[in-house]
Amino acid sequence: MSTPSVAIIIPTLDSAATLEQCLRGVANLNWPREDLDLLVIDGGSHDETLHLVRPHPARLFVRAGTDAAFRRNFGAGQTDAVTLFLLDPDCCPPRDWVGDSLRHLKFAQVAAVGVRPVPPAGEGSSWVQRAWAARCLARARDARAPRLGARMLAVRREEFVAAGGFAETYGTLACRELLRRLIGPPGSGRRLMALTRPDGVRVNAGRGLRDFYRAQRRLSEATLSDGCRLGLTFGDSPQILLPIYGLLATFYLLMTVLWHALGRRPPGLEIAIAAALALGPGVLPALAVALRARRPGLFAPLWFLNVVRLAARGAALR
């Protein structure tokens, strides 16, 4: 039998909650099964992970006590396939994942192809997940990307081996270091490609706003305005909102003291207008979402800022 040209490598560890859906996604891929080598490398699971793998046509290896980078590298060393497809057990790949990735990898300038997974947006999903999915799907279906994750990543095996695979001592930065080696020095002209598909789903995507913001920040794809448009609230992410209001309150206090030292009336109206102009683009969409979703947590920092403003102005007038 000829060697399959495509290998899918899934590193698992206590992944029973999501692995079944992941393996069903692999079974539904629009690619000939005889041309696909499926490898599952387990890190010593204590749940039902191994039992879920055995009914599927996959080669199973157990390497207890290893991290995901080691298991991916180990899987790459167990196959002679031309192209490696790295898949995390908490993701369900899109049906055309293999074909669409190979279509880009036929160009030498493309170093790797990844899929930006969307959160579940069907029945039972939260309003945050649905809004998050809508934002993800608004991207171009195929686009250049500054960086990719290892969740659904396709690379040429020859280049993967030449780059030394995942740097096992780099922890969470292992994928970024691998891609840096694949791209080569600046000016090489090589690039990364990202696919956006509605059926490329991250199964265990968080349901709350904090999960959304943290996940997007890890990919350097989220800004404060993204969080505000989704109704980022005081209770969900105080580490984002409080510094902004704190800086604004500090600025107002300093201005009030300065004007009081100069013997003038504190410019309450001017500062209020400046604050409205600065916060309007971010706060107003958040306020609208908070009202629609009945999420009153947003009003706490606004109330706090107003109290500080009134107290500072009263102190300066005495």
Foldseek 3Di string as FASTA:
>chain_A
DDFAQEEEEEEDAQLVVQQLLQVVLVVLAPDDPVNYAYEYEYQDHPDCVVVSPVVDPYHYHYNHPADPQVSQVVSLVVGPHFKYKYAYSQKRADNHLVVVFVVVVVDVQEAKEEEDAAADQDPPAAPLSVVRRVVLVVDDQKDFAPFHARNTMMGGSVLCVVLVGFPRVPPRCRRVSSVDSSNDDPPPNHTYMYGYDNRTHRHPQDRDLLSSVVVCVVRVNDDLLNSLLQQNFCVNCVVPPVVVLVVLLVVLLVQLVVCLVVVHQRPLVVSVVVVCVVCVSRNVSNVVNCVVVVPPRRVVSVVVSVVSNVVSNVVSVD
